[in-house]
Amino acid sequence: MLRPSSIRDIWKNEKVKKAMFNYMTEYFKPRSSYEPERVEYNALNILVEYQVYNLEFAKNDLHLTDFQSALVLDLFWRLLEFDPDAEASIAREV
């Protein structure tokens, strides 16, 4: 989900949480104007808090590079097993 270049841009920003929120808002935006929101606002805020905490841990405590931080954040993201399109794909299978 997050590339090393994205990590670098988010981390160098003065407001890391806002930068992460903007990135994730763009990432989860609806694919068309007819599609509903893929992730509701409150859930998105929780996901942003989770990733910001993980990024701060990777950068401040572990002193990782952008590439290493992207790998760690990807691992933490996969632990969530979060797929906003899962309900839509289940409905299509039935």
C-alpha atoms as a PDB file:
ATOM      1  CA  MET A   1       0.000   0.000   0.000  1.00  0.00           C
ATOM      2  CA  LEU A   2       2.726   2.480   0.949  1.00  0.00           C
ATOM      3  CA  ARG A   3       5.820   2.823  -1.208  1.00  0.00           C
ATOM      4  CA  PRO A   4       9.156   4.127   0.084  1.00  0.00           C
ATOM      5  CA  SER A   5       8.611   7.385  -1.840  1.00  0.00           C
ATOM      6  CA  SER A   6       5.215   7.785  -0.155  1.00  0.00           C
ATOM      7  CA  ILE A   7       6.791   7.116   3.234  1.00  0.00           C
ATOM      8  CA  ARG A   8       9.416   9.783   2.532  1.00  0.00           C
ATOM      9  CA  ASP A   9       6.774  12.354   1.516  1.00  0.00           C
ATOM     10  CA  ILE A  10       4.552  11.598   4.498  1.00  0.00           C
ATOM     11  CA  TRP A  11       7.416  11.551   7.009  1.00  0.00           C
ATOM     12  CA  LYS A  12       8.991  14.822   5.843  1.00  0.00           C
ATOM     13  CA  ASN A  13       5.611  16.555   6.187  1.00  0.00           C
ATOM     14  CA  GLU A  14       5.142  18.693   9.279  1.00  0.00           C
ATOM     15  CA  LYS A  15       1.794  17.054  10.038  1.00  0.00           C
ATOM     16  CA  VAL A  16       2.331  13.337   9.534  1.00  0.00           C
ATOM     17  CA  LYS A  17      -1.217  12.354  10.456  1.00  0.00           C
ATOM     18  CA  LYS A  18      -2.762  14.796   7.995  1.00  0.00           C
ATOM     19  CA  ALA A  19      -0.397  13.661   5.241  1.00  0.00           C
ATOM     20  CA  MET A  20      -1.246  10.010   5.947  1.00  0.00           C
ATOM     21  CA  PHE A  21      -4.963  10.847   5.972  1.00  0.00           C
ATOM     22  CA  ASN A  22      -4.680  12.577   2.591  1.00  0.00           C
ATOM     23  CA  TYR A  23      -2.757   9.626   1.153  1.00  0.00           C
ATOM     24  CA  MET A  24      -5.247   7.048   2.419  1.00  0.00           C
ATOM     25  CA  THR A  25      -8.235   9.149   1.336  1.00  0.00           C
ATOM     26  CA  GLU A  26      -6.842   9.161  -2.182  1.00  0.00           C
ATOM     27  CA  TYR A  27      -6.028   5.444  -1.993  1.00  0.00           C
ATOM     28  CA  PHE A  28      -9.552   4.471  -0.901  1.00  0.00           C
ATOM     29  CA  LYS A  29     -11.532   6.925  -2.993  1.00  0.00           C
ATOM     30  CA  PRO A  30     -14.456   5.449  -4.952  1.00  0.00           C
ATOM     31  CA  ARG A  31     -13.547   4.213  -8.418  1.00  0.00           C
ATOM     32  CA  SER A  32     -16.470   6.052  -9.984  1.00  0.00           C
ATOM     33  CA  SER A  33     -18.947   8.731  -9.006  1.00  0.00           C
ATOM     34  CA  TYR A  34     -21.681   6.090  -8.787  1.00  0.00           C
ATOM     35  CA  GLU A  35     -19.835   3.908  -6.309  1.00  0.00           C
ATOM     36  CA  PRO A  36     -20.356   4.477  -2.561  1.00  0.00           C
ATOM     37  CA  GLU A  37     -17.449   5.298  -0.262  1.00  0.00           C
ATOM     38  CA  ARG A  38     -15.151   2.313   0.070  1.00  0.00           C
ATOM     39  CA  VAL A  39     -14.180   3.178   3.660  1.00  0.00           C
ATOM     40  CA  GLU A  40     -16.260   5.368   5.936  1.00  0.00           C
ATOM     41  CA  TYR A  41     -14.695   8.403   7.605  1.00  0.00           C
ATOM     42  CA  ASN A  42     -14.430   6.944  11.133  1.00  0.00           C
ATOM     43  CA  ALA A  43     -12.856   3.711   9.898  1.00  0.00           C
ATOM     44  CA  LEU A  44     -10.413   5.712   7.793  1.00  0.00           C
ATOM     45  CA  ASN A  45      -9.391   7.741  10.854  1.00  0.00           C
ATOM     46  CA  ILE A  46      -8.717   4.536  12.786  1.00  0.00           C
ATOM     47  CA  LEU A  47      -6.623   3.126   9.933  1.00  0.00           C
ATOM     48  CA  VAL A  48      -4.669   6.380   9.678  1.00  0.00           C
ATOM     49  CA  GLU A  49      -3.946   6.376  13.433  1.00  0.00           C
ATOM     50  CA  TYR A  50      -2.780   2.757  13.169  1.00  0.00           C
ATOM     51  CA  GLN A  51      -0.406   3.449  10.277  1.00  0.00           C
ATOM     52  CA  VAL A  52       0.925   6.688  11.777  1.00  0.00           C
ATOM     53  CA  TYR A  53       1.686   4.880  15.022  1.00  0.00           C
ATOM     54  CA  ASN A  54       3.456   2.131  13.058  1.00  0.00           C
ATOM     55  CA  LEU A  55       5.399   4.683  11.005  1.00  0.00           C
ATOM     56  CA  GLU A  56       6.524   6.562  14.106  1.00  0.00           C
ATOM     57  CA  PHE A  57       7.583   3.284  15.695  1.00  0.00           C
ATOM     58  CA  ALA A  58       9.547   2.271  12.591  1.00  0.00           C
ATOM     59  CA  LYS A  59      11.248   5.646  12.187  1.00  0.00           C
ATOM     60  CA  ASN A  60      11.813   6.777  15.777  1.00  0.00           C
ATOM     61  CA  ASP A  61      12.296   3.546  17.709  1.00  0.00           C
ATOM     62  CA  LEU A  62      13.727   1.195  15.109  1.00  0.00           C
ATOM     63  CA  HIS A  63      15.540   3.910  13.069  1.00  0.00           C
ATOM     64  CA  LEU A  64      14.578   2.304   9.761  1.00  0.00           C
ATOM     65  CA  THR A  65      15.032   3.721   6.275  1.00  0.00           C
ATOM     66  CA  ASP A  66      12.056   4.619   4.083  1.00  0.00           C
ATOM     67  CA  PHE A  67      12.307   1.281   2.278  1.00  0.00           C
ATOM     68  CA  GLN A  68      12.490  -0.714   5.509  1.00  0.00           C
ATOM     69  CA  SER A  69       9.643   1.331   6.996  1.00  0.00           C
ATOM     70  CA  ALA A  70       7.481   0.621   3.937  1.00  0.00           C
ATOM     71  CA  LEU A  71       8.085  -3.106   4.437  1.00  0.00           C
ATOM     72  CA  VAL A  72       7.226  -2.949   8.138  1.00  0.00           C
ATOM     73  CA  LEU A  73       4.058  -0.928   7.480  1.00  0.00           C
ATOM     74  CA  ASP A  74       3.063  -3.412   4.789  1.00  0.00           C
ATOM     75  CA  LEU A  75       3.454  -6.285   7.256  1.00  0.00           C
ATOM     76  CA  PHE A  76       1.355  -4.484   9.871  1.00  0.00           C
ATOM     77  CA  TRP A  77      -1.250  -3.683   7.214  1.00  0.00           C
ATOM     78  CA  ARG A  78      -1.482  -7.346   6.186  1.00  0.00           C
ATOM     79  CA  LEU A  79      -2.082  -8.298   9.834  1.00  0.00           C
ATOM     80  CA  LEU A  80      -5.350  -6.360   9.679  1.00  0.00           C
ATOM     81  CA  GLU A  81      -6.660  -8.463   6.780  1.00  0.00           C
ATOM     82  CA  PHE A  82      -8.614  -5.374   5.757  1.00  0.00           C
ATOM     83  CA  ASP A  83     -10.229  -5.388   2.336  1.00  0.00           C
ATOM     84  CA  PRO A  84     -12.821  -2.673   1.705  1.00  0.00           C
ATOM     85  CA  ASP A  85     -14.001  -4.522  -1.405  1.00  0.00           C
ATOM     86  CA  ALA A  86     -14.562  -7.851   0.363  1.00  0.00           C
ATOM     87  CA  GLU A  87     -18.306  -7.379   0.846  1.00  0.00           C
ATOM     88  CA  ALA A  88     -18.744  -6.436  -2.806  1.00  0.00           C
ATOM     89  CA  SER A  89     -16.792  -9.468  -3.989  1.00  0.00           C
ATOM     90  CA  ILE A  90     -18.779 -11.796  -1.699  1.00  0.00           C
ATOM     91  CA  ALA A  91     -22.043 -10.376  -3.038  1.00  0.00           C
ATOM     92  CA  ARG A  92     -20.875 -11.007  -6.610  1.00  0.00           C
ATOM     93  CA  GLU A  93     -19.993 -14.638  -5.807  1.00  0.00           C
ATOM     94  CA  VAL A  94     -23.443 -15.406  -4.362  1.00  0.00           C
END
